Amino acid sequence: MKKYLKEIIILSMQLFMFYIFPLFAGPTDAMGMVFLIIAATLLLSIILGSISKEKIKYLYSIVIAILFIPSAFIYYNESALIHSVWYFVVSSIGLLVG
């Protein structure tokens, strides 16, 4: 558990961005919120790619895409499911950059 502490902290920050942060957005700010979460995903994946030496970091892209799916049904509608693909792509790019 202590071995993966950095990865757990970054994943919890990502969960905060998916589930807590949209609570503070208004109904007209949905697209801006999606862009902000995409930017945060890129930043967090670059940080994870830079600081993590574990092989588990390569699963981060898949985990992020899967974790967004319930958020799409909670805060958005089913048309937002396509964004899970964007989160996968953006986090993969961030891991490669990091």
PDB file of N, CA and C in Angstrom:
ATOM      1  N   MET A   1       0.821  -1.187   0.000  1.00  0.00           N
ATOM      2  CA  MET A   1       0.000   0.000   0.000  1.00  0.00           C
ATOM      3  C   MET A   1       0.869   1.256   0.000  1.00  0.00           C
ATOM      4  N   LYS A   2       1.878   1.261   0.871  1.00  0.00           N
ATOM      5  CA  LYS A   2       2.772   2.416   0.933  1.00  0.00           C
ATOM      6  C   LYS A   2       3.576   2.551  -0.358  1.00  0.00           C
ATOM      7  N   LYS A   3       3.755   1.435  -1.030  1.00  0.00           N
ATOM      8  CA  LYS A   3       4.494   1.420  -2.289  1.00  0.00           C
ATOM      9  C   LYS A   3       3.777   2.242  -3.365  1.00  0.00           C
ATOM     10  N   TYR A   4       2.456   2.266  -3.312  1.00  0.00           N
ATOM     11  CA  TYR A   4       1.657   2.957  -4.321  1.00  0.00           C
ATOM     12  C   TYR A   4       1.032   4.244  -3.793  1.00  0.00           C
ATOM     13  N   LEU A   5       1.603   4.852  -2.794  1.00  0.00           N
ATOM     14  CA  LEU A   5       1.014   6.037  -2.168  1.00  0.00           C
ATOM     15  C   LEU A   5       0.899   7.208  -3.142  1.00  0.00           C
ATOM     16  N   LYS A   6       1.921   7.452  -3.950  1.00  0.00           N
ATOM     17  CA  LYS A   6       1.868   8.559  -4.923  1.00  0.00           C
ATOM     18  C   LYS A   6       0.751   8.343  -5.930  1.00  0.00           C
ATOM     19  N   GLU A   7       0.613   7.114  -6.399  1.00  0.00           N
ATOM     20  CA  GLU A   7      -0.428   6.805  -7.380  1.00  0.00           C
ATOM     21  C   GLU A   7      -1.817   6.965  -6.777  1.00  0.00           C
ATOM     22  N   ILE A   8      -1.981   6.578  -5.515  1.00  0.00           N
ATOM     23  CA  ILE A   8      -3.272   6.688  -4.844  1.00  0.00           C
ATOM     24  C   ILE A   8      -3.645   8.157  -4.630  1.00  0.00           C
ATOM     25  N   ILE A   9      -2.681   8.976  -4.275  1.00  0.00           N
ATOM     26  CA  ILE A   9      -2.949  10.409  -4.079  1.00  0.00           C
ATOM     27  C   ILE A   9      -3.394  11.056  -5.384  1.00  0.00           C
ATOM     28  N   ILE A  10      -2.712  10.762  -6.472  1.00  0.00           N
ATOM     29  CA  ILE A  10      -3.080  11.345  -7.764  1.00  0.00           C
ATOM     30  C   ILE A  10      -4.432  10.819  -8.231  1.00  0.00           C
ATOM     31  N   LEU A  11      -4.704   9.550  -7.997  1.00  0.00           N
ATOM     32  CA  LEU A  11      -6.006   8.998  -8.368  1.00  0.00           C
ATOM     33  C   LEU A  11      -7.127   9.627  -7.548  1.00  0.00           C
ATOM     34  N   SER A  12      -6.879   9.882  -6.274  1.00  0.00           N
ATOM     35  CA  SER A  12      -7.908  10.531  -5.458  1.00  0.00           C
ATOM     36  C   SER A  12      -8.141  11.979  -5.903  1.00  0.00           C
ATOM     37  N   MET A  13      -7.095  12.659  -6.353  1.00  0.00           N
ATOM     38  CA  MET A  13      -7.276  14.003  -6.905  1.00  0.00           C
ATOM     39  C   MET A  13      -8.117  13.950  -8.171  1.00  0.00           C
ATOM     40  N   GLN A  14      -7.902  12.929  -8.986  1.00  0.00           N
ATOM     41  CA  GLN A  14      -8.697  12.765 -10.207  1.00  0.00           C
ATOM     42  C   GLN A  14     -10.150  12.469  -9.853  1.00  0.00           C
ATOM     43  N   LEU A  15     -10.382  11.639  -8.857  1.00  0.00           N
ATOM     44  CA  LEU A  15     -11.749  11.359  -8.425  1.00  0.00           C
ATOM     45  C   LEU A  15     -12.438  12.610  -7.919  1.00  0.00           C
ATOM     46  N   PHE A  16     -11.696  13.469  -7.225  1.00  0.00           N
ATOM     47  CA  PHE A  16     -12.236  14.749  -6.786  1.00  0.00           C
ATOM     48  C   PHE A  16     -12.679  15.569  -7.990  1.00  0.00           C
ATOM     49  N   MET A  17     -11.868  15.583  -9.039  1.00  0.00           N
ATOM     50  CA  MET A  17     -12.217  16.346 -10.245  1.00  0.00           C
ATOM     51  C   MET A  17     -13.459  15.768 -10.936  1.00  0.00           C
ATOM     52  N   PHE A  18     -13.627  14.454 -10.912  1.00  0.00           N
ATOM     53  CA  PHE A  18     -14.776  13.829 -11.577  1.00  0.00           C
ATOM     54  C   PHE A  18     -16.069  13.959 -10.788  1.00  0.00           C
ATOM     55  N   TYR A  19     -16.009  13.832  -9.456  1.00  0.00           N
ATOM     56  CA  TYR A  19     -17.234  13.687  -8.679  1.00  0.00           C
ATOM     57  C   TYR A  19     -17.573  14.860  -7.764  1.00  0.00           C
ATOM     58  N   ILE A  20     -16.599  15.579  -7.256  1.00  0.00           N
ATOM     59  CA  ILE A  20     -16.878  16.675  -6.343  1.00  0.00           C
ATOM     60  C   ILE A  20     -16.903  18.021  -7.072  1.00  0.00           C
ATOM     61  N   PHE A  21     -15.959  18.236  -7.946  1.00  0.00           N
ATOM     62  CA  PHE A  21     -15.830  19.511  -8.646  1.00  0.00           C
ATOM     63  C   PHE A  21     -17.074  19.896  -9.449  1.00  0.00           C
ATOM     64  N   PRO A  22     -17.751  18.968 -10.150  1.00  0.00           N
ATOM     65  CA  PRO A  22     -18.963  19.362 -10.894  1.00  0.00           C
ATOM     66  C   PRO A  22     -20.121  19.823 -10.015  1.00  0.00           C
ATOM     67  N   LEU A  23     -20.074  19.538  -8.733  1.00  0.00           N
ATOM     68  CA  LEU A  23     -21.135  20.013  -7.847  1.00  0.00           C
ATOM     69  C   LEU A  23     -21.178  21.530  -7.768  1.00  0.00           C
ATOM     70  N   PHE A  24     -20.054  22.170  -8.008  1.00  0.00           N
ATOM     71  CA  PHE A  24     -19.962  23.620  -7.894  1.00  0.00           C
ATOM     72  C   PHE A  24     -20.183  24.349  -9.216  1.00  0.00           C
ATOM     73  N   ALA A  25     -20.457  23.627 -10.277  1.00  0.00           N
ATOM     74  CA  ALA A  25     -20.692  24.251 -11.587  1.00  0.00           C
ATOM     75  C   ALA A  25     -22.181  24.469 -11.785  1.00  0.00           C
ATOM     76  N   GLY A  26     -22.497  25.513 -12.498  1.00  0.00           N
ATOM     77  CA  GLY A  26     -23.886  25.782 -12.835  1.00  0.00           C
ATOM     78  C   GLY A  26     -24.316  24.927 -14.019  1.00  0.00           C
ATOM     79  N   PRO A  27     -25.601  24.925 -14.341  1.00  0.00           N
ATOM     80  CA  PRO A  27     -26.080  24.093 -15.446  1.00  0.00           C
ATOM     81  C   PRO A  27     -25.568  24.548 -16.814  1.00  0.00           C
ATOM     82  N   THR A  28     -25.206  25.806 -16.947  1.00  0.00           N
ATOM     83  CA  THR A  28     -24.713  26.283 -18.240  1.00  0.00           C
ATOM     84  C   THR A  28     -23.207  26.128 -18.371  1.00  0.00           C
ATOM     85  N   ASP A  29     -22.546  25.725 -17.322  1.00  0.00           N
ATOM     86  CA  ASP A  29     -21.095  25.606 -17.343  1.00  0.00           C
ATOM     87  C   ASP A  29     -20.611  24.193 -17.646  1.00  0.00           C
ATOM     88  N   ALA A  30     -21.443  23.337 -18.195  1.00  0.00           N
ATOM     89  CA  ALA A  30     -21.083  21.932 -18.391  1.00  0.00           C
ATOM     90  C   ALA A  30     -19.908  21.763 -19.346  1.00  0.00           C
ATOM     91  N   MET A  31     -19.909  22.480 -20.458  1.00  0.00           N
ATOM     92  CA  MET A  31     -18.816  22.313 -21.424  1.00  0.00           C
ATOM     93  C   MET A  31     -17.507  22.864 -20.877  1.00  0.00           C
ATOM     94  N   GLY A  32     -17.570  23.973 -20.177  1.00  0.00           N
ATOM     95  CA  GLY A  32     -16.367  24.503 -19.543  1.00  0.00           C
ATOM     96  C   GLY A  32     -15.836  23.558 -18.484  1.00  0.00           C
ATOM     97  N   MET A  33     -16.743  22.894 -17.776  1.00  0.00           N
ATOM     98  CA  MET A  33     -16.340  21.926 -16.761  1.00  0.00           C
ATOM     99  C   MET A  33     -15.640  20.737 -17.403  1.00  0.00           C
ATOM    100  N   VAL A  34     -16.150  20.271 -18.522  1.00  0.00           N
ATOM    101  CA  VAL A  34     -15.515  19.155 -19.219  1.00  0.00           C
ATOM    102  C   VAL A  34     -14.113  19.544 -19.675  1.00  0.00           C
ATOM    103  N   PHE A  35     -13.959  20.741 -20.206  1.00  0.00           N
ATOM    104  CA  PHE A  35     -12.631  21.195 -20.629  1.00  0.00           C
ATOM    105  C   PHE A  35     -11.680  21.295 -19.438  1.00  0.00           C
ATOM    106  N   LEU A  36     -12.169  21.806 -18.328  1.00  0.00           N
ATOM    107  CA  LEU A  36     -11.337  21.933 -17.134  1.00  0.00           C
ATOM    108  C   LEU A  36     -10.905  20.570 -16.603  1.00  0.00           C
ATOM    109  N   ILE A  37     -11.799  19.618 -16.635  1.00  0.00           N
ATOM    110  CA  ILE A  37     -11.452  18.276 -16.173  1.00  0.00           C
ATOM    111  C   ILE A  37     -10.464  17.618 -17.128  1.00  0.00           C
ATOM    112  N   ILE A  38     -10.607  17.867 -18.429  1.00  0.00           N
ATOM    113  CA  ILE A  38      -9.639  17.327 -19.387  1.00  0.00           C
ATOM    114  C   ILE A  38      -8.253  17.924 -19.140  1.00  0.00           C
ATOM    115  N   ALA A  39      -8.189  19.215 -18.892  1.00  0.00           N
ATOM    116  CA  ALA A  39      -6.902  19.850 -18.597  1.00  0.00           C
ATOM    117  C   ALA A  39      -6.302  19.302 -17.303  1.00  0.00           C
ATOM    118  N   ALA A  40      -7.128  19.085 -16.292  1.00  0.00           N
ATOM    119  CA  ALA A  40      -6.640  18.517 -15.032  1.00  0.00           C
ATOM    120  C   ALA A  40      -6.163  17.085 -15.230  1.00  0.00           C
ATOM    121  N   THR A  41      -6.852  16.324 -16.079  1.00  0.00           N
ATOM    122  CA  THR A  41      -6.439  14.953 -16.363  1.00  0.00           C
ATOM    123  C   THR A  41      -5.071  14.938 -17.034  1.00  0.00           C
ATOM    124  N   LEU A  42      -4.856  15.841 -17.967  1.00  0.00           N
ATOM    125  CA  LEU A  42      -3.551  15.926 -18.620  1.00  0.00           C
ATOM    126  C   LEU A  42      -2.463  16.272 -17.603  1.00  0.00           C
ATOM    127  N   LEU A  43      -2.716  17.245 -16.769  1.00  0.00           N
ATOM    128  CA  LEU A  43      -1.731  17.653 -15.768  1.00  0.00           C
ATOM    129  C   LEU A  43      -1.442  16.534 -14.773  1.00  0.00           C
ATOM    130  N   LEU A  44      -2.472  15.879 -14.265  1.00  0.00           N
ATOM    131  CA  LEU A  44      -2.264  14.800 -13.307  1.00  0.00           C
ATOM    132  C   LEU A  44      -1.551  13.609 -13.923  1.00  0.00           C
ATOM    133  N   SER A  45      -1.826  13.302 -15.179  1.00  0.00           N
ATOM    134  CA  SER A  45      -1.139  12.181 -15.816  1.00  0.00           C
ATOM    135  C   SER A  45       0.323  12.516 -16.117  1.00  0.00           C
ATOM    136  N   ILE A  46       0.618  13.774 -16.434  1.00  0.00           N
ATOM    137  CA  ILE A  46       2.017  14.178 -16.601  1.00  0.00           C
ATOM    138  C   ILE A  46       2.753  14.050 -15.274  1.00  0.00           C
ATOM    139  N   ILE A  47       2.121  14.475 -14.196  1.00  0.00           N
ATOM    140  CA  ILE A  47       2.736  14.350 -12.869  1.00  0.00           C
ATOM    141  C   ILE A  47       2.946  12.885 -12.520  1.00  0.00           C
ATOM    142  N   LEU A  48       1.946  12.047 -12.768  1.00  0.00           N
ATOM    143  CA  LEU A  48       2.073  10.631 -12.465  1.00  0.00           C
ATOM    144  C   LEU A  48       3.178   9.993 -13.294  1.00  0.00           C
ATOM    145  N   GLY A  49       3.253  10.351 -14.573  1.00  0.00           N
ATOM    146  CA  GLY A  49       4.307   9.809 -15.416  1.00  0.00           C
ATOM    147  C   GLY A  49       5.689  10.250 -14.986  1.00  0.00           C
ATOM    148  N   SER A  50       5.775  11.417 -14.387  1.00  0.00           N
ATOM    149  CA  SER A  50       7.071  11.947 -13.954  1.00  0.00           C
ATOM    150  C   SER A  50       7.541  11.359 -12.632  1.00  0.00           C
ATOM    151  N   ILE A  51       6.640  11.198 -11.685  1.00  0.00           N
ATOM    152  CA  ILE A  51       7.082  10.815 -10.346  1.00  0.00           C
ATOM    153  C   ILE A  51       6.983   9.329 -10.051  1.00  0.00           C
ATOM    154  N   SER A  52       6.216   8.588 -10.815  1.00  0.00           N
ATOM    155  CA  SER A  52       6.009   7.175 -10.501  1.00  0.00           C
ATOM    156  C   SER A  52       7.022   6.309 -11.235  1.00  0.00           C
ATOM    157  N   LYS A  53       7.588   5.391 -10.506  1.00  0.00           N
ATOM    158  CA  LYS A  53       8.516   4.425 -11.089  1.00  0.00           C
ATOM    159  C   LYS A  53       7.878   3.041 -11.206  1.00  0.00           C
ATOM    160  N   GLU A  54       6.633   2.923 -10.773  1.00  0.00           N
ATOM    161  CA  GLU A  54       5.938   1.635 -10.763  1.00  0.00           C
ATOM    162  C   GLU A  54       5.296   1.359 -12.121  1.00  0.00           C
ATOM    163  N   LYS A  55       5.138   0.077 -12.428  1.00  0.00           N
ATOM    164  CA  LYS A  55       4.520  -0.312 -13.700  1.00  0.00           C
ATOM    165  C   LYS A  55       3.011  -0.086 -13.696  1.00  0.00           C
ATOM    166  N   ILE A  56       2.429   0.081 -12.517  1.00  0.00           N
ATOM    167  CA  ILE A  56       0.977   0.284 -12.418  1.00  0.00           C
ATOM    168  C   ILE A  56       0.545   1.595 -13.055  1.00  0.00           C
ATOM    169  N   LYS A  57       1.459   2.523 -13.239  1.00  0.00           N
ATOM    170  CA  LYS A  57       1.088   3.816 -13.814  1.00  0.00           C
ATOM    171  C   LYS A  57       0.559   3.678 -15.237  1.00  0.00           C
ATOM    172  N   TYR A  58       0.905   2.602 -15.920  1.00  0.00           N
ATOM    173  CA  TYR A  58       0.425   2.426 -17.290  1.00  0.00           C
ATOM    174  C   TYR A  58      -1.043   2.029 -17.334  1.00  0.00           C
ATOM    175  N   LEU A  59      -1.606   1.604 -16.219  1.00  0.00           N
ATOM    176  CA  LEU A  59      -3.033   1.308 -16.141  1.00  0.00           C
ATOM    177  C   LEU A  59      -3.858   2.547 -15.835  1.00  0.00           C
ATOM    178  N   TYR A  60      -3.206   3.645 -15.541  1.00  0.00           N
ATOM    179  CA  TYR A  60      -3.891   4.880 -15.151  1.00  0.00           C
ATOM    180  C   TYR A  60      -4.872   5.340 -16.225  1.00  0.00           C
ATOM    181  N   SER A  61      -4.502   5.269 -17.477  1.00  0.00           N
ATOM    182  CA  SER A  61      -5.381   5.722 -18.566  1.00  0.00           C
ATOM    183  C   SER A  61      -6.672   4.925 -18.613  1.00  0.00           C
ATOM    184  N   ILE A  62      -6.563   3.628 -18.442  1.00  0.00           N
ATOM    185  CA  ILE A  62      -7.748   2.769 -18.484  1.00  0.00           C
ATOM    186  C   ILE A  62      -8.630   3.022 -17.268  1.00  0.00           C
ATOM    187  N   VAL A  63      -8.008   3.156 -16.106  1.00  0.00           N
ATOM    188  CA  VAL A  63      -8.765   3.392 -14.869  1.00  0.00           C
ATOM    189  C   VAL A  63      -9.513   4.715 -14.937  1.00  0.00           C
ATOM    190  N   ILE A  64      -8.874   5.746 -15.457  1.00  0.00           N
ATOM    191  CA  ILE A  64      -9.518   7.055 -15.560  1.00  0.00           C
ATOM    192  C   ILE A  64     -10.721   7.003 -16.496  1.00  0.00           C
ATOM    193  N   ALA A  65     -10.578   6.333 -17.628  1.00  0.00           N
ATOM    194  CA  ALA A  65     -11.697   6.230 -18.568  1.00  0.00           C
ATOM    195  C   ALA A  65     -12.876   5.489 -17.938  1.00  0.00           C
ATOM    196  N   ILE A  66     -12.594   4.448 -17.178  1.00  0.00           N
ATOM    197  CA  ILE A  66     -13.663   3.681 -16.538  1.00  0.00           C
ATOM    198  C   ILE A  66     -14.296   4.466 -15.394  1.00  0.00           C
ATOM    199  N   LEU A  67     -13.492   5.199 -14.624  1.00  0.00           N
ATOM    200  CA  LEU A  67     -14.024   5.962 -13.501  1.00  0.00           C
ATOM    201  C   LEU A  67     -14.898   7.140 -13.931  1.00  0.00           C
ATOM    202  N   PHE A  68     -14.742   7.606 -15.163  1.00  0.00           N
ATOM    203  CA  PHE A  68     -15.575   8.712 -15.619  1.00  0.00           C
ATOM    204  C   PHE A  68     -16.987   8.258 -15.972  1.00  0.00           C
ATOM    205  N   ILE A  69     -17.175   7.016 -16.325  1.00  0.00           N
ATOM    206  CA  ILE A  69     -18.469   6.534 -16.811  1.00  0.00           C
ATOM    207  C   ILE A  69     -19.596   6.764 -15.796  1.00  0.00           C
ATOM    208  N   PRO A  70     -19.456   6.420 -14.509  1.00  0.00           N
ATOM    209  CA  PRO A  70     -20.550   6.746 -13.576  1.00  0.00           C
ATOM    210  C   PRO A  70     -20.773   8.250 -13.428  1.00  0.00           C
ATOM    211  N   SER A  71     -19.715   9.028 -13.527  1.00  0.00           N
ATOM    212  CA  SER A  71     -19.840  10.478 -13.430  1.00  0.00           C
ATOM    213  C   SER A  71     -20.660  11.036 -14.593  1.00  0.00           C
ATOM    214  N   ALA A  72     -20.540  10.421 -15.750  1.00  0.00           N
ATOM    215  CA  ALA A  72     -21.315  10.868 -16.910  1.00  0.00           C
ATOM    216  C   ALA A  72     -22.813  10.706 -16.658  1.00  0.00           C
ATOM    217  N   PHE A  73     -23.195   9.633 -15.988  1.00  0.00           N
ATOM    218  CA  PHE A  73     -24.607   9.420 -15.708  1.00  0.00           C
ATOM    219  C   PHE A  73     -25.099  10.274 -14.534  1.00  0.00           C
ATOM    220  N   ILE A  74     -24.215  10.609 -13.610  1.00  0.00           N
ATOM    221  CA  ILE A  74     -24.613  11.389 -12.445  1.00  0.00           C
ATOM    222  C   ILE A  74     -24.796  12.861 -12.805  1.00  0.00           C
ATOM    223  N   TYR A  75     -23.813  13.445 -13.488  1.00  0.00           N
ATOM    224  CA  TYR A  75     -23.822  14.892 -13.722  1.00  0.00           C
ATOM    225  C   TYR A  75     -24.237  15.298 -15.126  1.00  0.00           C
ATOM    226  N   TYR A  76     -24.039  14.441 -16.083  1.00  0.00           N
ATOM    227  CA  TYR A  76     -24.304  14.795 -17.479  1.00  0.00           C
ATOM    228  C   TYR A  76     -25.390  13.863 -17.995  1.00  0.00           C
ATOM    229  N   ASN A  77     -25.376  13.537 -19.266  1.00  0.00           N
ATOM    230  CA  ASN A  77     -26.287  12.532 -19.803  1.00  0.00           C
ATOM    231  C   ASN A  77     -25.472  11.521 -20.600  1.00  0.00           C
ATOM    232  N   GLU A  78     -26.151  10.557 -21.208  1.00  0.00           N
ATOM    233  CA  GLU A  78     -25.416   9.487 -21.888  1.00  0.00           C
ATOM    234  C   GLU A  78     -24.612   9.969 -23.092  1.00  0.00           C
ATOM    235  N   SER A  79     -24.891  11.155 -23.584  1.00  0.00           N
ATOM    236  CA  SER A  79     -24.080  11.680 -24.683  1.00  0.00           C
ATOM    237  C   SER A  79     -22.682  12.076 -24.215  1.00  0.00           C
ATOM    238  N   ALA A  80     -22.476  12.196 -22.920  1.00  0.00           N
ATOM    239  CA  ALA A  80     -21.154  12.542 -22.377  1.00  0.00           C
ATOM    240  C   ALA A  80     -20.241  11.331 -22.259  1.00  0.00           C
ATOM    241  N   LEU A  81     -20.732  10.141 -22.582  1.00  0.00           N
ATOM    242  CA  LEU A  81     -19.884   8.950 -22.492  1.00  0.00           C
ATOM    243  C   LEU A  81     -18.706   9.000 -23.459  1.00  0.00           C
ATOM    244  N   ILE A  82     -18.826   9.742 -24.528  1.00  0.00           N
ATOM    245  CA  ILE A  82     -17.719   9.866 -25.478  1.00  0.00           C
ATOM    246  C   ILE A  82     -16.514  10.530 -24.823  1.00  0.00           C
ATOM    247  N   HIS A  83     -16.751  11.303 -23.783  1.00  0.00           N
ATOM    248  CA  HIS A  83     -15.648  11.964 -23.100  1.00  0.00           C
ATOM    249  C   HIS A  83     -14.733  10.982 -22.385  1.00  0.00           C
ATOM    250  N   SER A  84     -15.227   9.793 -22.077  1.00  0.00           N
ATOM    251  CA  SER A  84     -14.355   8.795 -21.457  1.00  0.00           C
ATOM    252  C   SER A  84     -13.244   8.392 -22.422  1.00  0.00           C
ATOM    253  N   VAL A  85     -13.540   8.420 -23.723  1.00  0.00           N
ATOM    254  CA  VAL A  85     -12.498   8.151 -24.719  1.00  0.00           C
ATOM    255  C   VAL A  85     -11.474   9.283 -24.712  1.00  0.00           C
ATOM    256  N   TRP A  86     -11.949  10.512 -24.604  1.00  0.00           N
ATOM    257  CA  TRP A  86     -11.029  11.652 -24.544  1.00  0.00           C
ATOM    258  C   TRP A  86     -10.144  11.589 -23.311  1.00  0.00           C
ATOM    259  N   TYR A  87     -10.724  11.179 -22.177  1.00  0.00           N
ATOM    260  CA  TYR A  87      -9.912  11.071 -20.968  1.00  0.00           C
ATOM    261  C   TYR A  87      -8.851   9.988 -21.116  1.00  0.00           C
ATOM    262  N   PHE A  88      -9.195   8.896 -21.805  1.00  0.00           N
ATOM    263  CA  PHE A  88      -8.200   7.863 -22.069  1.00  0.00           C
ATOM    264  C   PHE A  88      -7.065   8.390 -22.937  1.00  0.00           C
ATOM    265  N   VAL A  89      -7.417   9.103 -24.009  1.00  0.00           N
ATOM    266  CA  VAL A  89      -6.410   9.641 -24.928  1.00  0.00           C
ATOM    267  C   VAL A  89      -5.546  10.682 -24.241  1.00  0.00           C
ATOM    268  N   VAL A  90      -6.169  11.607 -23.528  1.00  0.00           N
ATOM    269  CA  VAL A  90      -5.433  12.687 -22.875  1.00  0.00           C
ATOM    270  C   VAL A  90      -4.513  12.136 -21.789  1.00  0.00           C
ATOM    271  N   SER A  91      -4.994  11.177 -21.000  1.00  0.00           N
ATOM    272  CA  SER A  91      -4.137  10.632 -19.944  1.00  0.00           C
ATOM    273  C   SER A  91      -3.014   9.782 -20.534  1.00  0.00           C
ATOM    274  N   SER A  92      -3.253   9.129 -21.659  1.00  0.00           N
ATOM    275  CA  SER A  92      -2.171   8.385 -22.320  1.00  0.00           C
ATOM    276  C   SER A  92      -1.085   9.341 -22.825  1.00  0.00           C
ATOM    277  N   ILE A  93      -1.508  10.445 -23.409  1.00  0.00           N
ATOM    278  CA  ILE A  93      -0.551  11.451 -23.879  1.00  0.00           C
ATOM    279  C   ILE A  93       0.223  12.032 -22.701  1.00  0.00           C
ATOM    280  N   GLY A  94      -0.475  12.309 -21.616  1.00  0.00           N
ATOM    281  CA  GLY A  94       0.188  12.844 -20.426  1.00  0.00           C
ATOM    282  C   GLY A  94       1.205  11.887 -19.840  1.00  0.00           C
ATOM    283  N   LEU A  95       0.869  10.586 -19.821  1.00  0.00           N
ATOM    284  CA  LEU A  95       1.828   9.614 -19.327  1.00  0.00           C
ATOM    285  C   LEU A  95       3.057   9.523 -20.225  1.00  0.00           C
ATOM    286  N   LEU A  96       2.844   9.632 -21.523  1.00  0.00           N
ATOM    287  CA  LEU A  96       3.989   9.602 -22.441  1.00  0.00           C
ATOM    288  C   LEU A  96       4.865  10.824 -22.282  1.00  0.00           C
ATOM    289  N   VAL A  97       4.244  11.986 -22.080  1.00  0.00           N
ATOM    290  CA  VAL A  97       5.019  13.214 -21.875  1.00  0.00           C
ATOM    291  C   VAL A  97       5.788  13.143 -20.559  1.00  0.00           C
ATOM    292  N   GLY A  98       5.111  12.622 -19.520  1.00  0.00           N
ATOM    293  CA  GLY A  98       5.748  12.538 -18.208  1.00  0.00           C
ATOM    294  C   GLY A  98       6.813  11.492 -18.185  1.00  0.00           C
TER     295      GLY A  98
END
